[in-house]
């Protein structure tokens, strides 16, 4: 399943926004990448994770897609998996599901 960002996409989307000191941004990104590569991407129902960083280095956004809310919640309820998040838990974060309210594209 490819990463899609369409209003009618048949995926469950979670955005997690982190506030991070700029000097620790790369550490957080490396830790998220390792956690996704080693743990998350092997989970049933996982589709994708795309990580964005602000130009000032103080924000990191993880745009994650799952096949369903149930798949995401099953992963979240796995205490063993959650215990392997490392320094990810040290940063202020806000994670919640989203839907696309509208989408605009450029005209030719």
C-alpha atoms as a PDB file:
ATOM      1  CA  UNK A   1       0.000   0.000   0.000  1.00  0.00           C
ATOM      2  CA  UNK A   2       1.449   3.366  -1.014  1.00  0.00           C
ATOM      3  CA  UNK A   3       1.398   6.575   0.997  1.00  0.00           C
ATOM      4  CA  UNK A   4      -1.715   8.496   0.016  1.00  0.00           C
ATOM      5  CA  UNK A   5      -3.089  11.810   1.097  1.00  0.00           C
ATOM      6  CA  UNK A   6      -6.572  11.862  -0.377  1.00  0.00           C
ATOM      7  CA  UNK A   7      -9.847  12.842   1.328  1.00  0.00           C
ATOM      8  CA  UNK A   8     -11.383   9.449   0.541  1.00  0.00           C
ATOM      9  CA  UNK A   9      -8.273   7.345   1.282  1.00  0.00           C
ATOM     10  CA  UNK A  10      -9.088   4.095   3.036  1.00  0.00           C
ATOM     11  CA  UNK A  11      -6.457   4.530   5.755  1.00  0.00           C
ATOM     12  CA  UNK A  12      -6.300   5.654   9.374  1.00  0.00           C
ATOM     13  CA  UNK A  13      -3.959   8.641   9.777  1.00  0.00           C
ATOM     14  CA  UNK A  14      -2.184   9.717  12.954  1.00  0.00           C
ATOM     15  CA  UNK A  15      -0.030  12.832  13.204  1.00  0.00           C
ATOM     16  CA  UNK A  16       2.363  13.074  16.119  1.00  0.00           C
ATOM     17  CA  UNK A  17       3.896  16.495  16.671  1.00  0.00           C
ATOM     18  CA  UNK A  18       7.016  16.779  18.852  1.00  0.00           C
ATOM     19  CA  UNK A  19       8.532  19.890  20.372  1.00  0.00           C
ATOM     20  CA  UNK A  20      12.283  19.395  20.616  1.00  0.00           C
ATOM     21  CA  UNK A  21      15.366  21.486  21.400  1.00  0.00           C
ATOM     22  CA  UNK A  22      17.037  22.124  18.037  1.00  0.00           C
ATOM     23  CA  UNK A  23      20.268  20.474  19.198  1.00  0.00           C
ATOM     24  CA  UNK A  24      18.363  17.209  19.868  1.00  0.00           C
ATOM     25  CA  UNK A  25      16.312  17.116  16.660  1.00  0.00           C
ATOM     26  CA  UNK A  26      18.618  14.683  14.873  1.00  0.00           C
ATOM     27  CA  UNK A  27      18.688  12.386  17.903  1.00  0.00           C
ATOM     28  CA  UNK A  28      14.885  12.273  17.941  1.00  0.00           C
ATOM     29  CA  UNK A  29      14.671  11.653  14.198  1.00  0.00           C
ATOM     30  CA  UNK A  30      17.232   8.809  14.438  1.00  0.00           C
ATOM     31  CA  UNK A  31      15.297   7.260  17.315  1.00  0.00           C
ATOM     32  CA  UNK A  32      11.958   7.493  15.498  1.00  0.00           C
ATOM     33  CA  UNK A  33      13.545   5.971  12.394  1.00  0.00           C
ATOM     34  CA  UNK A  34      15.041   3.089  14.370  1.00  0.00           C
ATOM     35  CA  UNK A  35      11.761   2.441  16.187  1.00  0.00           C
ATOM     36  CA  UNK A  36       9.806   2.433  12.916  1.00  0.00           C
ATOM     37  CA  UNK A  37      12.362   0.238  11.132  1.00  0.00           C
ATOM     38  CA  UNK A  38      12.823  -2.256  13.973  1.00  0.00           C
ATOM     39  CA  UNK A  39       9.338  -2.379  15.485  1.00  0.00           C
ATOM     40  CA  UNK A  40       6.521  -0.506  13.790  1.00  0.00           C
ATOM     41  CA  UNK A  41       6.870  -1.470  10.128  1.00  0.00           C
ATOM     42  CA  UNK A  42       6.533  -5.158  10.949  1.00  0.00           C
ATOM     43  CA  UNK A  43       3.176  -4.716  12.672  1.00  0.00           C
ATOM     44  CA  UNK A  44      -0.044  -5.929  11.039  1.00  0.00           C
ATOM     45  CA  UNK A  45      -1.902  -3.027   9.474  1.00  0.00           C
ATOM     46  CA  UNK A  46       1.010  -0.580   9.323  1.00  0.00           C
ATOM     47  CA  UNK A  47       1.124   1.335   6.026  1.00  0.00           C
ATOM     48  CA  UNK A  48       3.713   4.119   6.311  1.00  0.00           C
ATOM     49  CA  UNK A  49       5.491   6.690   8.432  1.00  0.00           C
ATOM     50  CA  UNK A  50       6.761   9.968   7.036  1.00  0.00           C
ATOM     51  CA  UNK A  51       8.767  12.246   9.331  1.00  0.00           C
ATOM     52  CA  UNK A  52       9.009  15.993   8.737  1.00  0.00           C
ATOM     53  CA  UNK A  53      11.291  18.470  10.533  1.00  0.00           C
ATOM     54  CA  UNK A  54      10.832  22.220  10.811  1.00  0.00           C
ATOM     55  CA  UNK A  55      13.535  24.390   9.315  1.00  0.00           C
ATOM     56  CA  UNK A  56      14.315  25.871  12.728  1.00  0.00           C
ATOM     57  CA  UNK A  57      14.824  22.361  14.129  1.00  0.00           C
ATOM     58  CA  UNK A  58      12.324  22.687  16.993  1.00  0.00           C
ATOM     59  CA  UNK A  59       9.454  20.598  15.630  1.00  0.00           C
ATOM     60  CA  UNK A  60       9.259  17.056  14.320  1.00  0.00           C
ATOM     61  CA  UNK A  61       6.052  15.670  12.797  1.00  0.00           C
ATOM     62  CA  UNK A  62       5.425  11.973  12.202  1.00  0.00           C
ATOM     63  CA  UNK A  63       2.672  11.392   9.619  1.00  0.00           C
ATOM     64  CA  UNK A  64       1.708   7.741  10.080  1.00  0.00           C
ATOM     65  CA  UNK A  65      -0.852   5.698   8.198  1.00  0.00           C
ATOM     66  CA  UNK A  66      -2.472   2.433   9.279  1.00  0.00           C
ATOM     67  CA  UNK A  67      -4.959   0.194   7.506  1.00  0.00           C
ATOM     68  CA  UNK A  68      -7.469   0.733  10.302  1.00  0.00           C
ATOM     69  CA  UNK A  69      -7.996   2.312  13.693  1.00  0.00           C
ATOM     70  CA  UNK A  70      -8.072  -1.204  15.173  1.00  0.00           C
ATOM     71  CA  UNK A  71      -4.598  -2.012  13.802  1.00  0.00           C
ATOM     72  CA  UNK A  72      -3.206   1.206  15.268  1.00  0.00           C
ATOM     73  CA  UNK A  73      -4.858   0.639  18.653  1.00  0.00           C
ATOM     74  CA  UNK A  74      -3.568  -2.953  18.784  1.00  0.00           C
ATOM     75  CA  UNK A  75      -0.043  -1.639  18.267  1.00  0.00           C
ATOM     76  CA  UNK A  76      -0.512   1.110  20.879  1.00  0.00           C
ATOM     77  CA  UNK A  77      -1.752  -1.409  23.436  1.00  0.00           C
ATOM     78  CA  UNK A  78       1.363  -3.601  23.091  1.00  0.00           C
ATOM     79  CA  UNK A  79       3.283  -2.659  26.247  1.00  0.00           C
ATOM     80  CA  UNK A  80       6.390  -4.515  25.078  1.00  0.00           C
ATOM     81  CA  UNK A  81       6.539  -2.517  21.838  1.00  0.00           C
ATOM     82  CA  UNK A  82       5.841   0.759  23.630  1.00  0.00           C
ATOM     83  CA  UNK A  83       8.700   0.082  26.048  1.00  0.00           C
ATOM     84  CA  UNK A  84      11.158   0.194  23.112  1.00  0.00           C
ATOM     85  CA  UNK A  85      10.448   3.808  22.120  1.00  0.00           C
ATOM     86  CA  UNK A  86      13.667   5.064  23.750  1.00  0.00           C
ATOM     87  CA  UNK A  87      14.168   8.831  23.938  1.00  0.00           C
ATOM     88  CA  UNK A  88      10.973   9.407  21.957  1.00  0.00           C
ATOM     89  CA  UNK A  89       9.113   9.542  25.276  1.00  0.00           C
ATOM     90  CA  UNK A  90      11.346  12.355  26.587  1.00  0.00           C
ATOM     91  CA  UNK A  91       9.895  15.004  24.275  1.00  0.00           C
ATOM     92  CA  UNK A  92       6.642  16.919  24.541  1.00  0.00           C
ATOM     93  CA  UNK A  93       4.331  15.442  21.963  1.00  0.00           C
ATOM     94  CA  UNK A  94       0.766  15.539  20.762  1.00  0.00           C
ATOM     95  CA  UNK A  95      -0.538  12.604  18.764  1.00  0.00           C
ATOM     96  CA  UNK A  96      -4.045  12.169  17.465  1.00  0.00           C
ATOM     97  CA  UNK A  97      -5.968  10.852  14.462  1.00  0.00           C
ATOM     98  CA  UNK A  98      -6.913  13.184  11.627  1.00  0.00           C
ATOM     99  CA  UNK A  99      -9.065  13.209   8.527  1.00  0.00           C
ATOM    100  CA  UNK A 100      -8.584  15.484   5.517  1.00  0.00           C
ATOM    101  CA  UNK A 101     -11.064  18.354   5.589  1.00  0.00           C
ATOM    102  CA  UNK A 102     -10.249  19.451   2.028  1.00  0.00           C
ATOM    103  CA  UNK A 103      -7.482  19.239  -0.521  1.00  0.00           C
ATOM    104  CA  UNK A 104      -6.433  21.718  -3.199  1.00  0.00           C
ATOM    105  CA  UNK A 105      -3.999  21.108  -6.024  1.00  0.00           C
ATOM    106  CA  UNK A 106      -2.276  23.441  -8.450  1.00  0.00           C
ATOM    107  CA  UNK A 107      -3.905  24.201 -11.747  1.00  0.00           C
ATOM    108  CA  UNK A 108      -2.079  23.817 -15.034  1.00  0.00           C
END
